[in-house]
Amino acid sequence: QVQLVESGGGLVQPGESLRLSCAASGILFRLYAMEWYRQAPGKERELVATISRSSIAYYVDSVKGRFTISRDNAKKVVYLQMNSLKPEDTAVYYCKAMNYWGQGTQVTVSS
């Protein structure tokens, strides 16, 4: 059974940082690209970043230079380091592998 469990969300002020983690089980983690999505209230879910199995990263323009995606194949964890957070980054962040989704973790950026 595939499970993706996100953690690390919270309430921060603009300009601060958070690191999200997504722990995977039930899959051959190292063989799959991993993705982070987010969904803000009233908006569609959007892709934020992806990392290939060879650790090539892709970012949506709005987070380039601020977010970094990485993976630890030994631990079966994918990370999203988020720096210089803005109020518009407020959303529920989801991890995705293949067609499997995690439950999401809330990130709120507010002063």
Protein backbone atom coordinates (compact mmCIF):
# COMPACT_ATOMS: atom_id res chain seq x y z
CA GLN A 1 0.00 0.00 0.00
CA VAL A 2 1.42 3.34 -1.09
CA GLN A 3 1.51 6.04 1.56
CA LEU A 4 2.76 9.61 1.32
CA VAL A 5 2.87 11.57 4.56
CA GLU A 6 3.66 15.28 4.53
CA SER A 7 4.88 17.25 7.52
CA GLY A 8 6.52 20.55 8.35
CA GLY A 9 3.76 23.03 7.63
CA GLY A 10 2.85 25.84 9.96
CA LEU A 11 2.26 29.55 10.46
CA VAL A 12 5.15 31.86 9.64
CA GLN A 13 5.66 35.54 8.96
CA PRO A 14 6.57 36.91 5.53
CA GLY A 15 10.25 36.43 4.78
CA GLU A 16 10.62 33.40 7.01
CA SER A 17 11.36 29.82 5.99
CA LEU A 18 9.83 26.36 6.31
CA ARG A 19 10.95 22.92 5.23
CA LEU A 20 8.31 20.44 4.19
CA SER A 21 8.95 16.72 4.20
CA CYS A 22 7.11 13.90 2.48
CA ALA A 23 7.84 10.38 3.66
CA ALA A 24 6.97 7.63 1.19
CA SER A 25 6.28 3.97 1.75
CA GLY A 26 5.03 1.15 -0.41
CA ILE A 27 6.88 2.28 -3.53
CA LEU A 28 10.34 1.84 -5.00
CA PHE A 29 10.99 5.46 -4.17
CA ARG A 30 14.25 5.85 -6.09
CA LEU A 31 12.54 4.92 -9.37
CA TYR A 32 9.97 7.69 -9.37
CA ALA A 33 9.81 11.40 -9.89
CA MET A 34 8.32 13.21 -6.92
CA GLU A 35 6.21 16.33 -7.01
CA TRP A 36 4.95 19.06 -4.70
CA TYR A 37 1.63 20.75 -5.40
CA ARG A 38 -0.29 23.38 -3.51
CA GLN A 39 -3.87 24.53 -3.34
CA ALA A 40 -4.87 27.91 -2.00
CA PRO A 41 -8.45 28.63 -0.86
CA GLY A 42 -10.72 29.09 -3.85
CA LYS A 43 -8.00 28.19 -6.33
CA GLU A 44 -7.08 25.14 -8.33
CA ARG A 45 -4.30 22.85 -7.22
CA GLU A 46 -1.05 23.85 -8.92
CA LEU A 47 2.29 22.19 -9.46
CA VAL A 48 5.06 23.82 -7.43
CA ALA A 49 8.13 21.69 -8.02
CA THR A 50 9.22 18.32 -9.31
CA ILE A 51 12.35 16.26 -8.90
CA SER A 52 13.24 13.45 -11.25
CA ARG A 53 14.70 10.15 -10.12
CA SER A 54 18.09 11.56 -11.13
CA SER A 55 17.40 14.66 -9.01
CA ILE A 56 16.76 17.09 -11.85
CA ALA A 57 14.49 19.78 -10.47
CA TYR A 58 11.77 21.90 -12.02
CA TYR A 59 10.03 24.89 -10.41
CA VAL A 60 7.03 26.99 -11.25
CA ASP A 61 8.12 30.55 -11.98
CA SER A 62 6.52 31.99 -8.85
CA VAL A 63 8.84 30.02 -6.54
CA LYS A 64 12.09 29.97 -8.53
CA GLY A 65 14.99 31.21 -6.45
CA ARG A 66 13.04 30.78 -3.20
CA PHE A 67 12.11 27.09 -3.04
CA THR A 68 14.37 24.07 -3.33
CA ILE A 69 13.20 20.52 -3.85
CA SER A 70 15.46 17.63 -2.88
CA ARG A 71 15.24 13.93 -2.18
CA ASP A 72 16.87 11.34 0.02
CA ASN A 73 16.42 7.97 -1.64
CA ALA A 74 17.83 6.08 1.34
CA LYS A 75 15.22 7.61 3.66
CA LYS A 76 12.49 7.69 1.00
CA VAL A 77 11.82 11.33 1.71
CA VAL A 78 11.34 14.33 -0.56
CA TYR A 79 11.81 17.82 0.84
CA LEU A 80 10.67 21.29 -0.11
CA GLN A 81 12.78 24.04 1.42
CA MET A 82 10.82 27.27 1.24
CA ASN A 83 12.63 30.53 1.86
CA SER A 84 11.51 34.15 1.67
CA LEU A 85 7.91 33.09 2.09
CA LYS A 86 5.16 35.42 0.93
CA PRO A 87 1.49 35.62 1.88
CA GLU A 88 0.62 34.30 -1.57
CA ASP A 89 2.45 31.07 -0.72
CA THR A 90 -0.33 30.29 1.76
CA ALA A 91 -1.88 26.99 0.73
CA VAL A 92 -2.20 23.33 1.55
CA TYR A 93 0.89 21.62 0.16
CA TYR A 94 0.64 18.11 -1.22
CA CYS A 95 3.19 15.50 -2.16
CA LYS A 96 2.54 13.33 -5.21
CA ALA A 97 4.14 10.21 -6.65
CA MET A 98 2.66 8.57 -9.72
CA ASN A 99 -1.09 8.83 -9.09
CA TYR A 100 -0.78 8.83 -5.30
CA TRP A 101 -1.29 11.89 -3.12
CA GLY A 102 -0.50 12.68 0.46
CA GLN A 103 -3.02 14.22 2.84
CA GLY A 104 -1.46 17.67 2.66
CA THR A 105 0.11 20.06 5.13
CA GLN A 106 -1.07 23.62 5.73
CA VAL A 107 1.33 26.51 5.18
CA THR A 108 0.16 29.93 6.28
CA VAL A 109 2.24 33.04 5.72
CA SER A 110 0.87 36.01 7.57
CA SER A 111 2.02 38.92 9.69
